[in-house]
Amino acid sequence: MRLPLVLIFLLLLSGESLANSRERLQEANFAPTHAFGQNTLERKNQSVLTYLWVDVYAAAFYAPNQISASQAAAKSLTQRLELYYFRKIDSQDVIKAAWVTLDRQYDAATLARLRPEINALHATFRDIRPGDRYALNAKTGSGLTLEVNGKVAYTSQDPEVAKAYLGIWLAPDGLSDKLRSDLLAD
């Protein structure tokens, strides 16, 4: 008797979670397209990152319209990752999570080479408030820009920094396998 009750509870909770994700994505209100230089990027996918049953942020991945999300990420083509936050997060917690992920993804020599640029990027971070919108933009063969609430906060000309930092969300062994899978689904 307990097992059926548990299954019913989980099914009900699952439906509530899906409804909540829809509501959260509506709240994030990601644009269907984004003009980036001379390129128009289309929103390929969007998802909500949930940690310990708490919605942390919604994410949307943008890439050129003629290719798939996974192709754009694999080839480091022009792309945009936009995050809309639902929770207050201390900037030091964000920085720590980034380094933990990068340490998992890269060897010590590569991280030593990238560290000065990534530290400069992290120096622009401030505590996140609900409703804040961060966006990482990368252009083919170029570097990375970080926008905070629509204003450019950081620019790097190093394409390797762009690949590494976007990889926190889009590469294997990133922050969340589920989020990565959702964002890169074809």
Protein backbone atom coordinates (compact mmCIF):
# COMPACT_ATOMS: atom_id res chain seq x y z
CA MET A 1 0.00 0.00 0.00
CA ARG A 2 2.85 2.41 0.75
CA LEU A 3 4.53 2.01 -2.62
CA PRO A 4 1.45 3.12 -4.62
CA LEU A 5 1.02 6.15 -2.34
CA VAL A 6 4.66 7.11 -2.80
CA LEU A 7 4.35 6.72 -6.57
CA ILE A 8 1.19 8.84 -6.66
CA PHE A 9 2.93 11.52 -4.58
CA LEU A 10 5.96 11.51 -6.90
CA LEU A 11 3.75 11.77 -9.98
CA LEU A 12 1.87 14.70 -8.47
CA LEU A 13 5.12 16.37 -7.50
CA SER A 14 6.49 15.79 -10.99
CA GLY A 15 3.49 17.52 -12.60
CA GLU A 16 3.85 20.45 -10.21
CA SER A 17 7.54 20.66 -11.09
CA LEU A 18 6.77 20.80 -14.82
CA ALA A 19 4.14 23.47 -14.29
CA ASN A 20 6.57 25.40 -12.13
CA SER A 21 9.25 25.21 -14.86
CA ARG A 22 6.80 26.62 -17.40
CA GLU A 23 5.92 29.46 -15.04
CA ARG A 24 9.59 30.12 -14.32
CA LEU A 25 10.43 30.27 -18.03
CA GLN A 26 7.55 32.69 -18.56
CA GLU A 27 8.94 34.81 -15.73
CA ALA A 28 12.40 34.78 -17.35
CA ASN A 29 10.75 35.92 -20.60
CA PHE A 30 13.67 35.07 -22.89
CA ALA A 31 13.43 36.73 -26.30
CA PRO A 32 12.98 34.36 -29.26
CA THR A 33 15.93 36.04 -31.04
CA HIS A 34 18.90 38.19 -30.11
CA ALA A 35 20.83 40.60 -32.34
CA PHE A 36 24.56 40.16 -31.76
CA GLY A 37 26.71 42.29 -34.01
CA GLN A 38 25.70 41.46 -37.56
CA ASN A 39 24.26 38.12 -36.49
CA THR A 40 20.75 37.32 -35.41
CA LEU A 41 20.77 34.43 -33.00
CA GLU A 42 17.69 32.35 -32.30
CA ARG A 43 16.80 30.86 -28.97
CA LYS A 44 17.46 27.15 -29.38
CA ASN A 45 16.41 25.92 -25.95
CA GLN A 46 15.65 27.07 -22.44
CA SER A 47 15.53 25.32 -19.09
CA VAL A 48 15.41 25.89 -15.34
CA LEU A 49 18.25 24.87 -13.04
CA THR A 50 16.86 23.38 -9.86
CA TYR A 51 19.14 22.56 -6.95
CA LEU A 52 17.78 20.66 -3.95
CA TRP A 53 14.18 21.34 -5.07
CA VAL A 54 14.82 25.09 -5.37
CA ASP A 55 14.70 26.90 -8.71
CA VAL A 56 17.94 28.87 -8.94
CA TYR A 57 17.85 30.33 -12.45
CA ALA A 58 16.47 29.90 -15.93
CA ALA A 59 18.89 29.59 -18.82
CA ALA A 60 18.45 30.13 -22.56
CA PHE A 61 20.90 29.18 -25.29
CA TYR A 62 21.05 31.17 -28.54
CA ALA A 63 22.89 30.28 -31.76
CA PRO A 64 22.64 31.01 -35.51
CA ASN A 65 19.38 29.76 -36.99
CA GLN A 66 20.87 27.45 -39.62
CA ILE A 67 22.60 25.12 -37.13
CA SER A 68 21.58 23.08 -34.12
CA ALA A 69 22.38 23.99 -30.53
CA SER A 70 24.78 21.07 -30.15
CA GLN A 71 26.62 22.01 -33.36
CA ALA A 72 27.01 25.61 -32.20
CA ALA A 73 28.45 24.55 -28.86
CA ALA A 74 30.73 21.87 -30.34
CA LYS A 75 32.19 24.20 -32.98
CA SER A 76 32.41 27.28 -30.74
CA LEU A 77 30.28 29.25 -33.17
CA THR A 78 28.66 32.58 -32.31
CA GLN A 79 26.44 31.94 -29.32
CA ARG A 80 24.78 33.44 -26.27
CA LEU A 81 23.91 31.94 -22.92
CA GLU A 82 21.48 34.02 -20.91
CA LEU A 83 20.69 33.40 -17.24
CA TYR A 84 17.76 34.86 -15.31
CA TYR A 85 18.09 34.46 -11.54
CA PHE A 86 15.26 33.63 -9.15
CA ARG A 87 17.34 33.67 -5.96
CA LYS A 88 19.84 35.84 -4.16
CA ILE A 89 23.34 34.35 -4.52
CA ASP A 90 26.58 35.63 -3.04
CA SER A 91 29.13 36.39 -5.76
CA GLN A 92 31.78 34.35 -3.95
CA ASP A 93 29.53 31.28 -4.16
CA VAL A 94 29.21 31.77 -7.93
CA ILE A 95 32.98 32.13 -8.29
CA LYS A 96 33.61 29.03 -6.17
CA ALA A 97 31.16 26.96 -8.25
CA ALA A 98 32.84 28.17 -11.45
CA TRP A 99 36.30 27.15 -10.26
CA VAL A 100 35.11 23.77 -9.00
CA THR A 101 33.61 23.09 -12.42
CA LEU A 102 36.64 24.38 -14.35
CA ASP A 103 38.96 22.28 -12.15
CA ARG A 104 36.89 19.24 -13.13
CA GLN A 105 37.01 20.10 -16.84
CA TYR A 106 40.62 21.27 -17.39
CA ASP A 107 44.14 20.27 -16.47
CA ALA A 108 46.31 22.45 -14.24
CA ALA A 109 48.40 23.88 -17.10
CA THR A 110 45.34 25.05 -19.04
CA LEU A 111 43.79 26.59 -15.93
CA ALA A 112 47.06 28.39 -15.13
CA ARG A 113 46.96 29.94 -18.60
CA LEU A 114 43.28 30.95 -18.30
CA ARG A 115 43.37 32.05 -14.65
CA PRO A 116 44.31 35.76 -15.15
CA GLU A 117 41.44 36.35 -17.61
CA ILE A 118 38.95 34.37 -15.56
CA ASN A 119 40.00 36.24 -12.40
CA ALA A 120 39.41 39.51 -14.27
CA LEU A 121 35.96 38.25 -15.27
CA HIS A 122 35.20 37.22 -11.69
CA ALA A 123 36.32 40.64 -10.42
CA THR A 124 33.28 42.12 -12.20
CA PHE A 125 30.81 39.87 -10.36
CA ARG A 126 28.55 41.29 -7.68
CA ASP A 127 26.04 39.60 -5.45
CA ILE A 128 23.12 38.35 -7.53
CA ARG A 129 19.59 39.48 -6.73
CA PRO A 130 16.32 37.92 -7.90
CA GLY A 131 15.52 39.27 -11.36
CA ASP A 132 19.15 39.82 -12.38
CA ARG A 133 19.97 38.77 -15.93
CA TYR A 134 23.49 37.70 -16.89
CA ALA A 135 24.49 36.87 -20.46
CA LEU A 136 27.68 35.40 -21.90
CA ASN A 137 28.25 36.19 -25.57
CA ALA A 138 30.89 34.56 -27.76
CA LYS A 139 31.57 35.33 -31.39
CA THR A 140 33.28 32.86 -33.74
CA GLY A 141 37.06 33.24 -33.43
CA SER A 142 36.71 36.05 -30.93
CA GLY A 143 36.43 36.34 -27.19
CA LEU A 144 33.76 36.67 -24.57
CA THR A 145 31.55 39.45 -23.27
CA LEU A 146 29.59 39.37 -20.05
CA GLU A 147 26.44 41.44 -19.79
CA VAL A 148 24.84 42.15 -16.45
CA ASN A 149 21.28 43.42 -16.73
CA GLY A 150 21.87 44.48 -20.34
CA LYS A 151 25.16 46.34 -19.78
CA VAL A 152 28.57 45.01 -20.79
CA ALA A 153 30.56 44.34 -17.61
CA TYR A 154 33.53 42.45 -19.05
CA THR A 155 35.19 41.73 -22.39
CA SER A 156 37.98 39.30 -23.27
CA GLN A 157 39.51 38.88 -26.70
CA ASP A 158 40.61 35.31 -25.91
CA PRO A 159 38.47 32.65 -27.66
CA GLU A 160 39.80 30.00 -25.25
CA VAL A 161 38.35 31.94 -22.31
CA ALA A 162 35.00 32.07 -24.12
CA LYS A 163 35.04 28.31 -24.75
CA ALA A 164 36.07 27.51 -21.17
CA TYR A 165 33.58 29.79 -19.47
CA LEU A 166 30.62 28.84 -21.63
CA GLY A 167 31.73 25.26 -21.07
CA ILE A 168 30.78 25.57 -17.41
CA TRP A 169 27.20 25.15 -18.67
CA LEU A 170 27.66 23.63 -22.14
CA ALA A 171 30.60 21.19 -21.93
CA PRO A 172 30.71 17.73 -20.37
CA ASP A 173 31.33 17.62 -16.60
CA GLY A 174 29.73 21.05 -16.21
CA LEU A 175 27.50 22.42 -13.50
CA SER A 176 24.49 20.29 -14.44
CA ASP A 177 24.20 17.43 -16.90
CA LYS A 178 20.43 17.92 -17.08
CA LEU A 179 20.71 21.65 -17.83
CA ARG A 180 23.38 20.97 -20.48
CA SER A 181 21.22 18.28 -22.07
CA ASP A 182 18.17 20.55 -22.09
CA LEU A 183 20.06 23.49 -23.59
CA LEU A 184 21.82 21.46 -26.31
CA ALA A 185 18.90 19.23 -27.31
CA ASP A 186 18.34 19.12 -31.08
